[in-house]
Amino acid sequence: LFAVPPLFRLIQKESGTDWREMYKVFNMGHRMELYVRPDIAPRIIDINRSFNIDAQIIGHIEEGPRSLIIHSDLGIFKY
């Protein structure tokens, strides 16, 4: 994931909201997510970088029960 911007750290600190809820409610600095086939992701990243826009692969989809697991420097959160 991208680093959590200072604004979200301030919101968490002042509100006392736990990080699991913060990831559920806020975008935590992720401006846009695209869900694409893995083989085209590198080209999309290159296009973004050509416009000086940070881009990276932040996850993947697996077969199985529907769930979301976020691994961040603030913890692992399961939804």
Protein backbone atom coordinates (compact mmCIF):
# COMPACT_ATOMS: atom_id res chain seq x y z
CA LEU A 1 0.00 0.00 0.00
CA PHE A 2 0.96 3.64 -0.28
CA ALA A 3 2.14 5.32 2.90
CA VAL A 4 -0.66 6.76 5.01
CA PRO A 5 -0.66 10.57 4.58
CA PRO A 6 -0.26 12.74 7.70
CA LEU A 7 -3.90 13.92 7.42
CA PHE A 8 -5.23 10.42 8.15
CA ARG A 9 -2.81 9.94 11.03
CA LEU A 10 -4.10 13.22 12.50
CA ILE A 11 -7.74 12.18 12.05
CA GLN A 12 -7.03 8.86 13.77
CA LYS A 13 -5.12 10.47 16.62
CA GLU A 14 -7.72 13.17 17.30
CA SER A 15 -10.77 10.92 16.91
CA GLY A 16 -9.38 7.82 18.60
CA THR A 17 -10.79 5.72 15.75
CA ASP A 18 -9.04 2.38 15.44
CA TRP A 19 -7.04 1.75 12.28
CA ARG A 20 -9.35 -1.05 11.13
CA GLU A 21 -12.23 1.44 11.02
CA MET A 22 -10.03 4.09 9.40
CA TYR A 23 -9.26 1.74 6.50
CA LYS A 24 -12.94 0.89 6.19
CA VAL A 25 -14.19 4.51 6.11
CA PHE A 26 -11.39 6.47 4.43
CA ASN A 27 -9.32 5.91 1.30
CA MET A 28 -6.15 6.31 3.40
CA GLY A 29 -4.34 8.12 0.60
CA HIS A 30 -5.35 5.87 -2.27
CA ARG A 31 -6.82 8.16 -4.85
CA MET A 32 -8.03 5.65 -7.41
CA GLU A 33 -8.01 1.89 -7.73
CA LEU A 34 -8.29 -0.03 -10.98
CA TYR A 35 -9.06 -3.72 -11.09
CA VAL A 36 -7.33 -5.14 -14.17
CA ARG A 37 -5.73 -8.32 -15.43
CA PRO A 38 -2.22 -8.77 -14.00
CA ASP A 39 -0.64 -8.75 -17.46
CA ILE A 40 -1.73 -5.16 -18.22
CA ALA A 41 -0.98 -3.65 -14.81
CA PRO A 42 2.68 -2.81 -15.62
CA ARG A 43 1.64 -0.80 -18.69
CA ILE A 44 -0.94 1.17 -16.68
CA ILE A 45 1.71 1.90 -14.05
CA ASP A 46 4.12 3.11 -16.77
CA ILE A 47 1.46 5.43 -18.22
CA ASN A 48 0.76 6.91 -14.79
CA ARG A 49 4.44 7.45 -14.09
CA SER A 50 4.83 9.23 -17.44
CA PHE A 51 2.45 11.85 -15.97
CA ASN A 52 4.33 11.90 -12.62
CA ILE A 53 1.49 10.06 -10.88
CA ASP A 54 2.47 7.41 -8.33
CA ALA A 55 1.05 4.01 -9.17
CA GLN A 56 1.67 0.50 -7.94
CA ILE A 57 0.05 -2.90 -7.57
CA ILE A 58 -1.56 -3.02 -4.12
CA GLY A 59 -3.34 -6.36 -4.18
CA HIS A 60 -4.78 -9.27 -6.05
CA ILE A 61 -7.93 -11.34 -6.24
CA GLU A 62 -8.09 -15.02 -5.32
CA GLU A 63 -10.81 -17.60 -5.70
CA GLY A 64 -12.65 -18.41 -2.52
CA PRO A 65 -15.02 -16.83 -0.04
CA ARG A 66 -15.47 -13.08 -0.42
CA SER A 67 -13.21 -11.18 1.95
CA LEU A 68 -10.66 -8.40 2.05
CA ILE A 69 -7.37 -8.48 3.92
CA ILE A 70 -5.31 -5.30 4.22
CA HIS A 71 -1.65 -5.64 5.16
CA SER A 72 -0.24 -2.27 6.23
CA ASP A 73 2.45 -0.95 8.51
CA LEU A 74 -0.41 -0.25 10.95
CA GLY A 75 -1.57 -3.86 11.13
CA ILE A 76 -3.46 -6.57 9.30
CA PHE A 77 -7.17 -5.92 8.93
CA LYS A 78 -9.73 -8.50 7.80
CA TYR A 79 -13.16 -7.56 6.47
